[in-house]
Amino acid sequence: MATHADSASRLLKSLANAQRLRILCLLVTGESSVGALHVQLDLSQSALSQHLARLREDGLVITRREAQTIHYRLASGPAERVIQTLHGIYCPPRAEDVLTASPPTGRPGRKRR
């Protein structure tokens, strides 16, 4: 039990920074390059690099290199599930996403009168 508590404590320490949370929430939707993250976040390049390095050291993100570009994505595991949950609670779908989504079809097997 102590090891699980230690692991959870390390995860929560990594998540206890608003800028790192913003980065992780952007990565919920999929892989992103450092350049794309920089455009979406109001962070200096050096601050972004430091946060990404911390997230990589803590095992919350993994990288893929494509020539000069480094792509980041969420690492699978408990951190990914926590971030997905936080994203679902605090980042509701945007209005334009809701408008383009297909409408619900009702309950299967029931006819409307």
Protein backbone atom coordinates (compact mmCIF):
# COMPACT_ATOMS: atom_id res chain seq x y z
CA MET A 1 0.00 0.00 0.00
CA ALA A 2 2.85 2.40 0.77
CA THR A 3 4.25 2.02 -2.75
CA HIS A 4 0.88 2.87 -4.26
CA ALA A 5 0.64 5.94 -2.04
CA ASP A 6 4.16 6.97 -3.06
CA SER A 7 3.30 6.56 -6.75
CA ALA A 8 0.10 8.55 -6.35
CA SER A 9 1.97 11.26 -4.45
CA ARG A 10 4.58 11.59 -7.23
CA LEU A 11 1.82 11.79 -9.85
CA LEU A 12 -0.06 14.47 -7.94
CA LYS A 13 3.13 16.51 -7.47
CA SER A 14 3.66 16.47 -11.23
CA LEU A 15 0.06 17.52 -11.81
CA ALA A 16 0.19 20.26 -9.17
CA ASN A 17 1.37 22.86 -11.69
CA ALA A 18 -1.21 24.71 -13.78
CA GLN A 19 1.09 25.00 -16.81
CA ARG A 20 1.84 21.27 -16.84
CA LEU A 21 -1.88 20.55 -16.52
CA ARG A 22 -2.57 22.79 -19.52
CA ILE A 23 0.04 20.91 -21.55
CA LEU A 24 -1.40 17.53 -20.56
CA CYS A 25 -4.95 18.65 -21.34
CA LEU A 26 -3.85 19.64 -24.83
CA LEU A 27 -2.29 16.21 -25.27
CA VAL A 28 -5.54 14.44 -24.31
CA THR A 29 -6.73 14.94 -27.88
CA GLY A 30 -3.59 13.38 -29.34
CA GLU A 31 0.04 13.85 -30.18
CA SER A 32 1.40 17.35 -30.66
CA SER A 33 4.71 18.89 -31.64
CA VAL A 34 6.57 21.33 -29.42
CA GLY A 35 5.88 24.07 -31.97
CA ALA A 36 2.13 23.40 -31.94
CA LEU A 37 2.07 23.38 -28.13
CA HIS A 38 4.02 26.65 -28.08
CA VAL A 39 1.43 28.31 -30.34
CA GLN A 40 -1.47 27.16 -28.14
CA LEU A 41 0.09 28.06 -24.79
CA ASP A 42 1.14 31.44 -23.48
CA LEU A 43 4.55 30.16 -22.36
CA SER A 44 8.06 31.05 -23.39
CA GLN A 45 9.90 28.41 -25.36
CA SER A 46 12.28 27.79 -22.44
CA ALA A 47 9.45 27.44 -19.88
CA LEU A 48 7.61 25.03 -22.19
CA SER A 49 10.78 22.98 -22.65
CA GLN A 50 11.32 22.80 -18.89
CA HIS A 51 7.74 21.65 -18.26
CA LEU A 52 7.93 19.06 -21.05
CA ALA A 53 11.23 17.77 -19.64
CA ARG A 54 9.65 17.40 -16.18
CA LEU A 55 6.63 15.58 -17.64
CA ARG A 56 8.95 13.27 -19.58
CA GLU A 57 11.11 12.57 -16.50
CA ASP A 58 7.98 11.80 -14.48
CA GLY A 59 6.78 9.38 -17.16
CA LEU A 60 3.62 11.32 -17.99
CA VAL A 61 4.48 11.92 -21.65
CA ILE A 62 6.44 10.06 -24.27
CA THR A 63 8.20 11.48 -27.29
CA ARG A 64 8.67 10.63 -30.93
CA ARG A 65 11.24 12.35 -33.11
CA GLU A 66 10.54 13.14 -36.75
CA ALA A 67 13.61 14.79 -38.28
CA GLN A 68 14.04 18.05 -36.29
CA THR A 69 10.56 17.89 -34.72
CA ILE A 70 9.76 16.25 -31.39
CA HIS A 71 6.18 15.09 -30.89
CA TYR A 72 4.69 14.53 -27.44
CA ARG A 73 1.76 12.39 -26.34
CA LEU A 74 0.33 11.19 -23.06
CA ALA A 75 1.89 8.04 -21.69
CA SER A 76 -0.67 5.33 -21.01
CA GLY A 77 -1.39 4.44 -17.42
CA PRO A 78 -2.85 6.06 -14.32
CA ALA A 79 -1.73 9.57 -15.30
CA GLU A 80 -3.55 9.32 -18.62
CA ARG A 81 -6.77 8.27 -16.89
CA VAL A 82 -6.50 11.10 -14.35
CA ILE A 83 -5.89 13.68 -17.09
CA GLN A 84 -8.79 12.35 -19.18
CA THR A 85 -11.06 12.62 -16.13
CA LEU A 86 -9.91 16.16 -15.33
CA HIS A 87 -10.30 17.13 -19.00
CA GLY A 88 -13.84 15.77 -19.04
CA ILE A 89 -14.77 17.74 -15.92
CA TYR A 90 -13.01 21.05 -16.56
CA CYS A 91 -12.85 21.23 -20.36
CA PRO A 92 -16.39 20.74 -21.66
CA PRO A 93 -16.83 20.45 -25.43
CA ARG A 94 -16.74 23.73 -27.31
CA ALA A 95 -20.04 24.98 -28.77
CA GLU A 96 -18.84 24.45 -32.36
CA ASP A 97 -17.93 20.83 -31.52
CA VAL A 98 -21.39 20.22 -30.09
CA LEU A 99 -23.08 21.77 -33.13
CA THR A 100 -21.17 19.53 -35.55
CA ALA A 101 -21.66 16.33 -33.54
CA SER A 102 -24.41 13.96 -34.65
CA PRO A 103 -27.57 14.17 -32.55
CA PRO A 104 -28.48 11.33 -30.18
CA THR A 105 -30.79 8.75 -31.69
CA GLY A 106 -32.76 7.83 -28.58
CA ARG A 107 -33.03 4.41 -27.01
CA PRO A 108 -32.50 1.44 -29.29
CA GLY A 109 -35.46 -0.84 -29.78
CA ARG A 110 -38.10 1.72 -28.78
CA LYS A 111 -40.45 3.26 -31.28
CA ARG A 112 -41.65 6.81 -30.94
CA ARG A 113 -45.36 7.46 -31.16
